[in-house]
């Protein structure tokens, strides 16, 4: 029996961990959006960098109408602050195929020298989430397969697969 104690303890720990995880999933998600989506869209034009960054972040986590949020988030991809561009790119990815009107802006962002590897990786993932409607991005994603950044190459390859698998 003594030799089973470590296994019983491990089993108990796993059981408790699973129970805690299940309970955590039942906890309501925080309500990020205390204002309507249009308010956060307007905040993307603020002079305050923190306000713009927070607005992009929240638009990616709330149930914002795509016809209101996508054009504003696409414009935010050229924000002068890098983190705002990160959050805008992530937010566009949450819209999936509804973010198709932003494909040209996403491609431009991938090709921009101003963006870091994080923006490019997130952009490739976003194009993959858009799917077939992002076909115009295929040449840019194919070029990304030659990048020095392995994570970007992987994200581009996955995006190409997602875009072509919608056929």
Foldseek 3Di string as FASTA:
>chain_A
DVVCVVVVVVVVVVVVVVVVVVVVVVDDDDQLDPDALLVLLVQCPDPDPVSNLSSLQNLLVDPHDLVRLLVSLLVQCPPPDQSSVLSSLNSLLSVQLSNLVSLVSLLVSLPDPSHDPSSLLSSLQSLLSSAQSNVVCLVVLVVQCPDPDPSSNVSSVSSVCSNVVVD
